[in-house]
Structures are given as structure tokens and as C-alpha cells.
Amino acid sequence: MLKTVIKAQENSAVIVLPFSDLSRLGMSVGDEIELLKNDNEEVIVRSVKKNERTQKVLEKTREIINRRKSALLELGKGHE
């Protein structure tokens, strides 16, 4: 777990991370991130780049499932 402090800088707030922590997270300066707040009041920081990649994988998976739907339904019936 990383701990840091939100600091003021001119008319903005910034979160300062040491370069070593940023690298460990697989991120670098200039990366676009999303901040989300869940129902437990937890703030989640995630890479937009990784989220886009995940969305592409989901889209391709859905395409494959739709193309193979009849075969998958047959497999789901099992042996009679």
C-alpha cells in the first residue's frame, strides 16, 4: 500500500508519488488516470490505458462468443 498526501499547487491539488512507486505501479509521468470512489468510500486510481485494453479484450471476447453461440449452446447441453 502506498501512502501520500494531497498538496496544494497554485490553483490545483496534486498527489505526489516517488518515481520508484510510480514505476512499481507500471505508470509514468504523463499517463492518464481515472479516480473512482466506490460504495465503501475507497478511492481507486486506475490507468486509462489499462482500462482501454481491458475493454478491448471484453469486446473481442463478446464477438467470439456471439460468433460461436450455437456451438457453445450445444456444448452446454452436455452428454445425453
Protein backbone atom coordinates (compact mmCIF):
# COMPACT_ATOMS: atom_id res chain seq x y z
CA MET A 1 0.00 0.00 0.00
CA LEU A 2 1.24 3.47 -0.86
CA LYS A 3 0.54 6.46 1.33
CA THR A 4 0.88 10.05 0.24
CA VAL A 5 -0.60 13.47 0.91
CA ILE A 6 -2.72 15.67 -1.34
CA LYS A 7 -0.91 19.00 -1.64
CA ALA A 8 -1.88 22.40 -3.00
CA GLN A 9 -0.05 23.79 -6.01
CA GLU A 10 -1.26 27.14 -7.35
CA ASN A 11 -4.96 26.61 -8.23
CA SER A 12 -4.79 22.80 -8.16
CA ALA A 13 -4.37 19.86 -5.83
CA VAL A 14 -1.64 17.34 -6.58
CA ILE A 15 -0.81 13.85 -5.40
CA VAL A 16 2.93 13.35 -5.16
CA LEU A 17 4.37 9.88 -5.76
CA PRO A 18 8.05 8.99 -5.75
CA PHE A 19 9.26 7.82 -9.18
CA SER A 20 10.05 4.38 -7.73
CA ASP A 21 6.43 3.92 -6.62
CA LEU A 22 5.13 5.20 -9.95
CA SER A 23 7.34 2.72 -11.78
CA ARG A 24 6.25 -0.11 -9.48
CA LEU A 25 2.64 0.67 -10.40
CA GLY A 26 3.52 0.36 -14.09
CA MET A 27 2.82 4.04 -14.70
CA SER A 28 4.86 7.02 -15.76
CA VAL A 29 4.64 10.79 -15.83
CA GLY A 30 2.03 11.90 -18.35
CA ASP A 31 -0.12 8.75 -18.11
CA GLU A 32 -3.84 9.39 -17.98
CA ILE A 33 -5.58 8.01 -14.88
CA GLU A 34 -9.13 7.70 -13.60
CA LEU A 35 -10.14 8.28 -9.99
CA LEU A 36 -13.20 6.35 -8.81
CA LYS A 37 -14.96 6.27 -5.46
CA ASN A 38 -16.73 3.04 -4.52
CA ASP A 39 -19.59 2.42 -2.08
CA ASN A 40 -17.09 1.82 0.75
CA GLU A 41 -15.73 5.37 0.36
CA GLU A 42 -12.49 3.96 -1.12
CA VAL A 43 -10.79 5.90 -3.88
CA ILE A 44 -9.49 3.76 -6.73
CA VAL A 45 -6.84 5.05 -9.10
CA ARG A 46 -6.55 3.19 -12.38
CA SER A 47 -4.73 3.64 -15.63
CA VAL A 48 -6.96 4.66 -18.53
CA LYS A 49 -4.58 2.83 -20.85
CA LYS A 50 -5.06 -0.46 -18.98
CA ASN A 51 -8.81 0.09 -18.75
CA GLU A 52 -9.00 0.64 -22.53
CA ARG A 53 -7.05 -2.58 -23.08
CA THR A 54 -9.44 -4.45 -20.77
CA GLN A 55 -12.42 -3.05 -22.69
CA LYS A 56 -10.91 -4.22 -26.00
CA VAL A 57 -10.42 -7.72 -24.60
CA LEU A 58 -14.04 -7.79 -23.41
CA GLU A 59 -15.29 -6.63 -26.82
CA LYS A 60 -13.28 -9.31 -28.64
CA THR A 61 -14.47 -11.97 -26.18
CA ARG A 62 -18.09 -10.98 -26.79
CA GLU A 63 -17.53 -11.10 -30.57
CA ILE A 64 -16.13 -14.63 -30.31
CA ILE A 65 -18.97 -15.78 -28.07
CA ASN A 66 -21.56 -14.33 -30.45
CA ARG A 67 -19.91 -16.00 -33.46
CA ARG A 68 -19.74 -19.36 -31.69
CA LYS A 69 -23.03 -19.08 -29.80
CA SER A 70 -24.71 -22.15 -31.33
CA ALA A 71 -21.64 -24.35 -30.72
CA LEU A 72 -21.36 -23.11 -27.14
CA LEU A 73 -25.05 -23.83 -26.51
CA GLU A 74 -24.58 -27.37 -27.80
CA LEU A 75 -21.55 -27.86 -25.54
CA GLY A 76 -23.61 -26.58 -22.61
CA LYS A 77 -26.16 -29.36 -23.09
CA GLY A 78 -23.56 -31.98 -22.24
CA HIS A 79 -23.92 -35.73 -22.87
CA GLU A 80 -27.37 -37.22 -23.02
